[in-house]
Amino acid sequence: MLYAPKEEIEGRIARLKTLMEKASLDGAFFLYKVDYYYFTGTMQDAFLFVPLKGKPILFVRREINRARKESPLDEVIPVKVFNDIKPYIKGIRRCGFELDVIPYNLIMKFMGILGNIEFVDISPIIKCLRKTKTPFEISLMEKAASIAKKVYKKIPDVLKEGMTEIELGGLLESFAKPLGHEGILRVRSLNYEAYSWHILSGETGSIVSQSDSPMGGLGLSPAFPVGASMKKIRKGEPILIDYGVCYHGYQADQTRMFAIGHMPDIFVKAYEVCRDVHYKVLDKALTGMTCSALFEYSKELAKKAGFKDAYLGYGPYQVKFLAHGIGLELNEIPFIATGMDYPIEEGMVFAIEPKMVFPKIGASGIENTVVIEKGKWRVLTDINEEIVIL
């Protein structure tokens, strides 16, 4: 079992305290498990308190022995109820909470316990800390990408005419799991869930759904209205496979194109344009251009290539982002998108995904997870980028 190194966790907490001091916070609570995992190395049922002065305390409800083994923190304390924390919380006037994700009634419970203190949203600080990745984090994402590479190599062996999209997804899942894929892609959001099997064939590639993406897919039911469906895969249609992998909490996201027999020329051309946009934007990202300017640049490239109306969706369904940060969650900073007036920085990892969508006939595109390091970009998902025709 792989555990987060002590120096890794200590470095994250030290950076957190620096930002807490700038925000005049005396302490901060972390009740959202992705956040306390980032600062502790464990996802046991717990919550974390980080005082500006003194050692962080991980309060564990279940299971204390595993939490102590998994986390390098010195203070890992069992609790039964929230009130058990009172003896440990003193001298706090301004306290950070994850107000973007924590339920209101839980916040009210802590207000009752902590008394008359000021509650401050710490989520901007968390997002700032996680916008760049350490070498340890990048190594985990490299492992996720290596699993994905093996999964994509398996696709030509299992993809058959007449199988359903979800059948293909299930086969890929059964192959990925023994390699270490955890099967869940976490998202910091209310009412949005992400799944590994975003497999869209022919017309399902043009179906939009509740997700903020160029295409959503049909899904399996109104209760599961996104991604792979019971539609049968046919010859001569584009097959877009967006299959994310998660390893030790960290994700790699990628998309490749397949077809059985042949792929219509419009989708082949669209794919070529998407690849061109992908790499030209990466090169521009190294110049210090803001993310919003990079997004506008990508739109101009698509327009010049004759794909303005298909780029990142069609009609009212065109989305306003080209890339999203990725790590413990799918929607981290940076976003190459409208309104994001900051540049790409050293240590950032993001999934860049130019895609074209054509109403009622399908979609085409590419996606890679990319890291910025030593003043250059590096594709972590180094999977064959050619359209695979079976």
Protein backbone atom coordinates (compact mmCIF):
# COMPACT_ATOMS: atom_id res chain seq x y z
CA MET A 1 0.00 0.00 0.00
CA LEU A 2 1.29 3.43 -0.95
CA TYR A 3 1.06 6.21 1.65
CA ALA A 4 1.66 9.95 1.34
CA PRO A 5 5.16 10.81 2.62
CA LYS A 6 5.37 12.83 5.82
CA GLU A 7 7.32 15.61 4.12
CA GLU A 8 4.63 15.86 1.42
CA ILE A 9 1.85 16.37 3.98
CA GLU A 10 3.96 18.76 6.06
CA GLY A 11 4.71 20.85 2.97
CA ARG A 12 1.02 21.15 2.11
CA ILE A 13 0.11 22.21 5.65
CA ALA A 14 2.95 24.72 5.76
CA ARG A 15 1.69 26.32 2.53
CA LEU A 16 -1.85 26.26 3.92
CA LYS A 17 -0.78 28.11 7.07
CA THR A 18 0.97 30.78 5.03
CA LEU A 19 -2.25 31.52 3.18
CA MET A 20 -4.30 31.30 6.38
CA GLU A 21 -2.10 33.95 7.97
CA LYS A 22 -2.55 36.23 4.97
CA ALA A 23 -6.32 35.77 5.32
CA SER A 24 -6.15 36.52 9.09
CA LEU A 25 -7.53 33.08 9.99
CA ASP A 26 -6.85 31.62 13.43
CA GLY A 27 -7.76 28.12 12.29
CA ALA A 28 -9.59 26.07 9.69
CA PHE A 29 -11.78 22.96 9.62
CA PHE A 30 -11.83 20.49 6.74
CA LEU A 31 -14.88 18.23 6.65
CA TYR A 32 -14.97 17.45 2.90
CA LYS A 33 -13.07 14.20 2.50
CA VAL A 34 -11.13 15.14 -0.64
CA ASP A 35 -9.73 18.18 1.19
CA TYR A 36 -8.78 16.43 4.39
CA TYR A 37 -7.26 13.61 2.36
CA TYR A 38 -5.05 16.21 0.66
CA PHE A 39 -3.81 17.45 4.03
CA THR A 40 -3.69 14.12 5.93
CA GLY A 41 -3.27 11.21 3.51
CA THR A 42 -6.35 9.35 4.76
CA MET A 43 -10.03 9.22 3.77
CA GLN A 44 -11.23 7.44 6.87
CA ASP A 45 -14.39 8.97 8.42
CA ALA A 46 -12.83 12.03 10.00
CA PHE A 47 -12.43 15.80 9.93
CA LEU A 48 -9.34 17.94 10.25
CA PHE A 49 -8.60 21.05 12.30
CA VAL A 50 -5.57 23.14 11.41
CA PRO A 51 -4.75 25.94 13.88
CA LEU A 52 -2.59 28.80 12.68
CA LYS A 53 -0.34 28.13 15.67
CA GLY A 54 0.30 24.54 16.68
CA LYS A 55 -0.11 21.08 15.19
CA PRO A 56 -3.05 20.00 13.03
CA ILE A 57 -5.48 17.58 14.66
CA LEU A 58 -7.30 14.83 12.78
CA PHE A 59 -10.50 13.86 14.60
CA VAL A 60 -11.48 10.34 13.55
CA ARG A 61 -14.90 8.78 13.95
CA ARG A 62 -14.04 5.57 12.08
CA GLU A 63 -11.55 3.90 11.74
CA ILE A 64 -8.85 5.16 14.08
CA ASN A 65 -6.25 2.42 13.55
CA ARG A 66 -6.33 2.75 9.77
CA ALA A 67 -6.25 6.54 10.01
CA ARG A 68 -3.13 6.42 12.20
CA LYS A 69 -1.45 4.05 9.77
CA GLU A 70 -2.39 6.01 6.67
CA SER A 71 -1.70 9.54 7.94
CA PRO A 72 1.71 10.85 9.03
CA LEU A 73 0.12 13.47 11.30
CA ASP A 74 1.15 13.33 14.95
CA GLU A 75 -2.26 14.22 16.38
CA VAL A 76 -4.83 11.62 15.27
CA ILE A 77 -7.58 11.50 17.89
CA PRO A 78 -10.74 9.36 18.13
CA VAL A 79 -14.08 11.13 18.66
CA LYS A 80 -17.64 9.86 18.94
CA VAL A 81 -19.60 13.10 18.56
CA PHE A 82 -18.73 16.59 17.34
CA ASN A 83 -18.86 18.01 20.86
CA ASP A 84 -15.76 15.95 21.71
CA ILE A 85 -13.62 18.53 19.92
CA LYS A 86 -14.32 21.35 22.42
CA PRO A 87 -11.27 20.81 24.65
CA TYR A 88 -8.97 21.11 21.63
CA ILE A 89 -10.38 24.31 20.08
CA LYS A 90 -9.35 27.44 21.97
CA GLY A 91 -8.66 31.06 21.12
CA ILE A 92 -10.30 30.97 17.68
CA ARG A 93 -11.94 34.16 16.41
CA ARG A 94 -11.88 33.69 12.61
CA CYS A 95 -12.20 30.11 11.36
CA GLY A 96 -12.15 28.72 7.84
CA PHE A 97 -14.77 26.27 6.55
CA GLU A 98 -15.43 24.78 3.11
CA LEU A 99 -18.57 26.80 2.55
CA ASP A 100 -18.76 25.79 -1.11
CA VAL A 101 -19.45 22.11 -0.34
CA ILE A 102 -20.40 21.67 3.33
CA PRO A 103 -24.16 21.41 4.06
CA TYR A 104 -25.75 24.32 5.89
CA ASN A 105 -27.01 22.19 8.77
CA LEU A 106 -23.48 20.92 9.45
CA ILE A 107 -22.17 24.47 9.53
CA MET A 108 -24.92 25.36 12.00
CA LYS A 109 -23.89 22.43 14.19
CA PHE A 110 -20.34 23.73 14.35
CA MET A 111 -21.59 27.22 15.10
CA GLY A 112 -23.35 25.76 18.11
CA ILE A 113 -20.19 24.02 19.26
CA LEU A 114 -17.68 26.82 18.63
CA GLY A 115 -19.79 29.73 19.78
CA ASN A 116 -19.47 33.31 18.63
CA ILE A 117 -16.72 33.12 16.02
CA GLU A 118 -16.54 34.35 12.43
CA PHE A 119 -16.93 31.68 9.77
CA VAL A 120 -14.91 32.33 6.60
CA ASP A 121 -15.00 30.43 3.30
CA ILE A 122 -11.63 28.69 2.91
CA SER A 123 -12.41 27.04 -0.43
CA PRO A 124 -10.55 29.73 -2.47
CA ILE A 125 -7.41 28.96 -0.46
CA ILE A 126 -7.82 25.22 -1.03
CA LYS A 127 -8.24 25.71 -4.77
CA CYS A 128 -5.20 27.98 -4.88
CA LEU A 129 -3.07 25.40 -3.07
CA ARG A 130 -4.12 22.59 -5.37
CA LYS A 131 -3.73 24.48 -8.66
CA THR A 132 -0.11 23.31 -8.92
CA LYS A 133 1.06 19.76 -8.30
CA THR A 134 4.10 18.41 -6.49
CA PRO A 135 6.39 15.76 -8.03
CA PHE A 136 4.69 13.19 -5.77
CA GLU A 137 1.25 14.10 -7.11
CA ILE A 138 2.47 14.08 -10.69
CA SER A 139 3.95 10.61 -10.16
CA LEU A 140 0.50 9.31 -9.17
CA MET A 141 -1.06 10.92 -12.22
CA GLU A 142 1.63 9.33 -14.37
CA LYS A 143 0.63 5.96 -12.93
CA ALA A 144 -3.03 6.68 -13.73
CA ALA A 145 -1.99 7.58 -17.27
CA SER A 146 0.01 4.36 -17.61
CA ILE A 147 -3.09 2.37 -16.64
CA ALA A 148 -5.12 4.30 -19.21
CA LYS A 149 -2.54 3.52 -21.89
CA LYS A 150 -2.99 -0.21 -21.25
CA VAL A 151 -6.78 0.16 -21.31
CA TYR A 152 -6.75 1.95 -24.66
CA LYS A 153 -4.43 -0.68 -26.14
CA LYS A 154 -7.06 -3.25 -25.14
CA ILE A 155 -9.91 -1.55 -27.02
CA PRO A 156 -9.20 -3.04 -30.49
CA ASP A 157 -9.35 -6.52 -28.93
CA VAL A 158 -12.82 -6.07 -27.42
CA LEU A 159 -14.63 -3.50 -29.59
CA LYS A 160 -17.11 -5.33 -31.84
CA GLU A 161 -19.98 -4.32 -34.07
CA GLY A 162 -23.32 -4.84 -32.36
CA MET A 163 -22.10 -4.52 -28.78
CA THR A 164 -23.62 -1.75 -26.71
CA GLU A 165 -21.71 1.29 -25.51
CA ILE A 166 -22.15 0.30 -21.89
CA GLU A 167 -21.04 -3.25 -22.63
CA LEU A 168 -17.76 -1.87 -23.95
CA GLY A 169 -17.51 0.37 -20.90
CA GLY A 170 -17.99 -2.60 -18.59
CA LEU A 171 -15.31 -4.61 -20.36
CA LEU A 172 -12.84 -1.73 -20.09
CA GLU A 173 -13.73 -1.29 -16.43
CA SER A 174 -13.08 -4.96 -15.73
CA PHE A 175 -9.69 -4.64 -17.41
CA ALA A 176 -8.75 -1.38 -15.66
CA LYS A 177 -9.69 -2.36 -12.11
CA PRO A 178 -7.03 -5.08 -11.65
CA LEU A 179 -4.45 -2.54 -12.84
CA GLY A 180 -5.33 -0.20 -9.98
CA HIS A 181 -8.12 1.99 -11.38
CA GLU A 182 -10.34 2.99 -8.47
CA GLY A 183 -13.43 3.39 -10.64
CA ILE A 184 -14.53 6.83 -9.42
CA LEU A 185 -13.72 10.29 -10.77
CA ARG A 186 -14.38 12.88 -8.08
CA VAL A 187 -15.83 16.30 -8.87
CA ARG A 188 -16.18 19.30 -6.55
CA SER A 189 -19.79 19.98 -7.30
CA LEU A 190 -23.39 19.64 -6.17
CA ASN A 191 -25.45 17.23 -8.28
CA TYR A 192 -22.74 16.37 -10.80
CA GLU A 193 -21.11 12.95 -10.86
CA ALA A 194 -18.44 11.66 -13.22
CA TYR A 195 -18.01 8.13 -14.49
CA SER A 196 -15.23 6.38 -16.36
CA TRP A 197 -17.26 5.11 -19.30
CA HIS A 198 -17.98 8.14 -21.49
CA ILE A 199 -18.36 6.10 -24.69
CA LEU A 200 -20.33 7.76 -27.48
CA SER A 201 -21.00 6.19 -30.88
CA GLY A 202 -22.62 7.86 -33.87
CA GLU A 203 -25.60 10.03 -32.96
CA THR A 204 -25.16 9.64 -29.17
CA GLY A 205 -22.05 11.79 -29.59
CA SER A 206 -24.33 14.74 -30.34
CA ILE A 207 -26.71 14.24 -27.40
CA VAL A 208 -26.37 16.88 -24.71
CA SER A 209 -27.20 16.26 -21.08
CA GLN A 210 -26.90 17.80 -17.63
CA SER A 211 -23.10 17.94 -17.71
CA ASP A 212 -21.31 21.12 -18.77
CA SER A 213 -19.57 19.52 -21.73
CA PRO A 214 -19.85 19.65 -25.54
CA MET A 215 -21.73 16.34 -25.48
CA GLY A 216 -23.28 14.30 -22.70
CA GLY A 217 -24.40 11.02 -24.21
CA LEU A 218 -27.67 9.23 -23.65
CA GLY A 219 -26.78 7.33 -20.49
CA LEU A 220 -28.76 4.41 -19.14
CA SER A 221 -31.91 6.10 -17.82
CA PRO A 222 -33.34 9.44 -16.66
CA ALA A 223 -31.61 8.67 -13.36
CA PHE A 224 -28.28 8.12 -15.15
CA PRO A 225 -28.56 10.51 -18.13
CA VAL A 226 -24.92 10.79 -19.18
CA GLY A 227 -22.24 8.71 -20.87
CA ALA A 228 -22.50 5.23 -22.38
CA SER A 229 -25.91 3.83 -23.20
CA MET A 230 -27.63 0.68 -24.47
CA LYS A 231 -27.19 1.88 -28.06
CA LYS A 232 -25.48 -0.69 -30.27
CA ILE A 233 -22.23 0.29 -31.94
CA ARG A 234 -22.34 0.15 -35.74
CA LYS A 235 -19.89 0.15 -38.62
CA GLY A 236 -18.98 3.42 -40.27
CA GLU A 237 -19.71 5.73 -37.34
CA PRO A 238 -17.36 7.71 -35.10
CA ILE A 239 -16.73 6.13 -31.69
CA LEU A 240 -15.50 8.62 -29.12
CA ILE A 241 -14.00 7.00 -26.01
CA ASP A 242 -13.36 9.37 -23.10
CA TYR A 243 -12.16 7.02 -20.38
CA GLY A 244 -10.80 8.53 -17.17
CA VAL A 245 -8.63 6.58 -14.74
CA CYS A 246 -8.07 7.21 -11.03
CA TYR A 247 -5.05 5.90 -9.10
CA HIS A 248 -4.60 6.59 -5.36
CA GLY A 249 -7.11 9.41 -5.71
CA TYR A 250 -5.38 11.10 -8.65
CA GLN A 251 -6.83 11.16 -12.12
CA ALA A 252 -5.80 11.09 -15.76
CA ASP A 253 -8.30 12.04 -18.44
CA GLN A 254 -8.03 11.28 -22.14
CA THR A 255 -10.12 10.84 -25.30
CA ARG A 256 -9.37 8.91 -28.48
CA MET A 257 -11.34 8.09 -31.64
CA PHE A 258 -12.20 4.67 -33.06
CA ALA A 259 -14.35 3.29 -35.88
CA ILE A 260 -15.31 -0.08 -37.34
CA GLY A 261 -14.75 -0.39 -41.09
CA HIS A 262 -14.33 3.31 -41.82
CA MET A 263 -14.96 6.76 -40.38
CA PRO A 264 -16.81 9.44 -42.40
CA ASP A 265 -14.49 12.14 -43.75
CA ILE A 266 -16.09 14.96 -41.76
CA PHE A 267 -15.12 13.33 -38.48
CA VAL A 268 -11.59 12.57 -39.71
CA LYS A 269 -11.12 16.21 -40.72
CA ALA A 270 -12.63 17.42 -37.45
CA TYR A 271 -10.20 15.22 -35.53
CA GLU A 272 -7.24 16.63 -37.44
CA VAL A 273 -8.37 20.17 -36.61
CA CYS A 274 -8.82 19.25 -32.95
CA ARG A 275 -5.27 17.89 -32.78
CA ASP A 276 -3.98 21.07 -34.40
CA VAL A 277 -5.87 23.26 -31.91
CA HIS A 278 -4.66 21.08 -29.02
CA TYR A 279 -0.95 21.53 -29.75
CA LYS A 280 -1.07 25.14 -30.90
CA VAL A 281 -2.83 26.14 -27.69
CA LEU A 282 -0.25 24.25 -25.61
CA ASP A 283 2.55 26.15 -27.33
CA LYS A 284 0.78 29.46 -26.73
CA ALA A 285 0.23 28.55 -23.08
CA LEU A 286 4.00 28.81 -22.54
CA THR A 287 4.02 32.48 -23.59
CA GLY A 288 2.19 33.82 -20.53
CA MET A 289 -1.07 34.39 -22.37
CA THR A 290 -4.08 34.36 -20.03
CA CYS A 291 -6.38 31.36 -20.03
CA SER A 292 -9.27 33.43 -21.37
CA ALA A 293 -7.08 34.65 -24.24
CA LEU A 294 -5.99 31.07 -24.93
CA PHE A 295 -9.64 30.07 -25.17
CA GLU A 296 -10.39 32.85 -27.66
CA TYR A 297 -7.29 31.85 -29.64
CA SER A 298 -8.58 28.28 -29.87
CA LYS A 299 -11.93 29.53 -31.19
CA GLU A 300 -10.17 31.50 -33.90
CA LEU A 301 -8.22 28.41 -34.95
CA ALA A 302 -11.43 26.38 -35.25
CA LYS A 303 -13.12 29.19 -37.17
CA LYS A 304 -10.26 29.49 -39.67
CA ALA A 305 -10.43 25.72 -40.22
CA GLY A 306 -14.14 25.99 -41.06
CA PHE A 307 -15.47 24.40 -37.87
CA LYS A 308 -16.79 27.41 -35.97
CA ASP A 309 -20.31 25.98 -35.65
CA ALA A 310 -19.16 22.56 -34.41
CA TYR A 311 -16.36 23.59 -32.06
CA LEU A 312 -17.02 22.58 -28.45
CA GLY A 313 -20.67 21.88 -29.20
CA TYR A 314 -23.30 23.28 -31.53
CA GLY A 315 -25.84 26.07 -31.35
CA PRO A 316 -26.81 27.03 -27.80
CA TYR A 317 -24.90 24.03 -26.43
CA GLN A 318 -21.39 25.28 -27.19
CA VAL A 319 -19.40 25.33 -23.97
CA LYS A 320 -17.05 28.09 -22.85
CA PHE A 321 -14.03 26.06 -21.82
CA LEU A 322 -11.32 24.12 -23.62
CA ALA A 323 -9.40 22.66 -20.67
CA HIS A 324 -9.93 21.91 -17.01
CA GLY A 325 -7.45 21.36 -14.21
CA ILE A 326 -7.23 17.82 -12.90
CA GLY A 327 -5.83 16.08 -9.83
CA LEU A 328 -7.89 14.74 -6.95
CA GLU A 329 -10.90 16.19 -8.76
CA LEU A 330 -11.87 16.74 -12.39
CA ASN A 331 -12.60 20.44 -12.02
CA GLU A 332 -9.54 22.03 -10.47
CA ILE A 333 -7.68 25.19 -11.50
CA PRO A 334 -6.64 26.03 -14.21
CA PHE A 335 -9.51 26.41 -16.67
CA ILE A 336 -8.73 27.50 -20.20
CA ALA A 337 -12.06 29.24 -20.46
CA THR A 338 -13.97 32.48 -20.74
CA GLY A 339 -13.33 34.82 -17.82
CA MET A 340 -10.20 33.06 -16.52
CA ASP A 341 -7.71 35.93 -16.53
CA TYR A 342 -4.64 34.15 -15.22
CA PRO A 343 -1.80 32.44 -17.10
CA ILE A 344 -0.77 28.80 -17.14
CA GLU A 345 1.94 28.28 -14.51
CA GLU A 346 4.74 25.86 -13.74
CA GLY A 347 3.41 22.73 -12.03
CA MET A 348 -0.13 23.03 -13.35
CA VAL A 349 -1.77 19.87 -14.67
CA PHE A 350 -4.83 20.09 -16.90
CA ALA A 351 -6.88 18.10 -19.40
CA ILE A 352 -7.18 19.85 -22.74
CA GLU A 353 -10.06 18.57 -24.87
CA PRO A 354 -10.94 20.23 -28.20
CA LYS A 355 -13.98 18.46 -29.62
CA MET A 356 -16.37 18.92 -32.53
CA VAL A 357 -20.06 18.04 -32.37
CA PHE A 358 -22.38 17.60 -35.35
CA PRO A 359 -26.15 17.52 -34.65
CA LYS A 360 -27.74 14.08 -34.95
CA ILE A 361 -24.66 12.41 -36.45
CA GLY A 362 -21.86 12.40 -33.89
CA ALA A 363 -18.71 13.91 -32.42
CA SER A 364 -14.96 13.83 -32.86
CA GLY A 365 -12.08 15.06 -30.76
CA ILE A 366 -9.05 14.44 -28.61
CA GLU A 367 -8.14 14.92 -24.95
CA ASN A 368 -4.86 14.67 -23.07
CA THR A 369 -3.70 15.30 -19.53
CA VAL A 370 -0.75 17.69 -19.67
CA VAL A 371 1.75 19.00 -17.09
CA ILE A 372 3.75 22.22 -17.32
CA GLU A 373 7.31 21.68 -16.08
CA LYS A 374 10.70 23.32 -16.69
CA GLY A 375 9.09 25.85 -18.99
CA LYS A 376 7.67 23.17 -21.30
CA TRP A 377 4.49 21.12 -21.63
CA ARG A 378 4.52 17.34 -21.33
CA VAL A 379 1.66 15.02 -22.26
CA LEU A 380 1.16 12.48 -19.48
CA THR A 381 -1.37 10.45 -21.47
CA ASP A 382 1.04 9.41 -24.21
CA ILE A 383 -1.43 7.10 -25.93
CA ASN A 384 -1.50 6.54 -29.70
CA GLU A 385 -3.22 9.61 -31.17
CA GLU A 386 -4.10 8.14 -34.56
CA ILE A 387 -7.74 7.28 -35.32
CA VAL A 388 -8.02 3.51 -34.88
CA ILE A 389 -10.00 1.81 -37.66
CA LEU A 390 -10.89 -1.82 -36.97
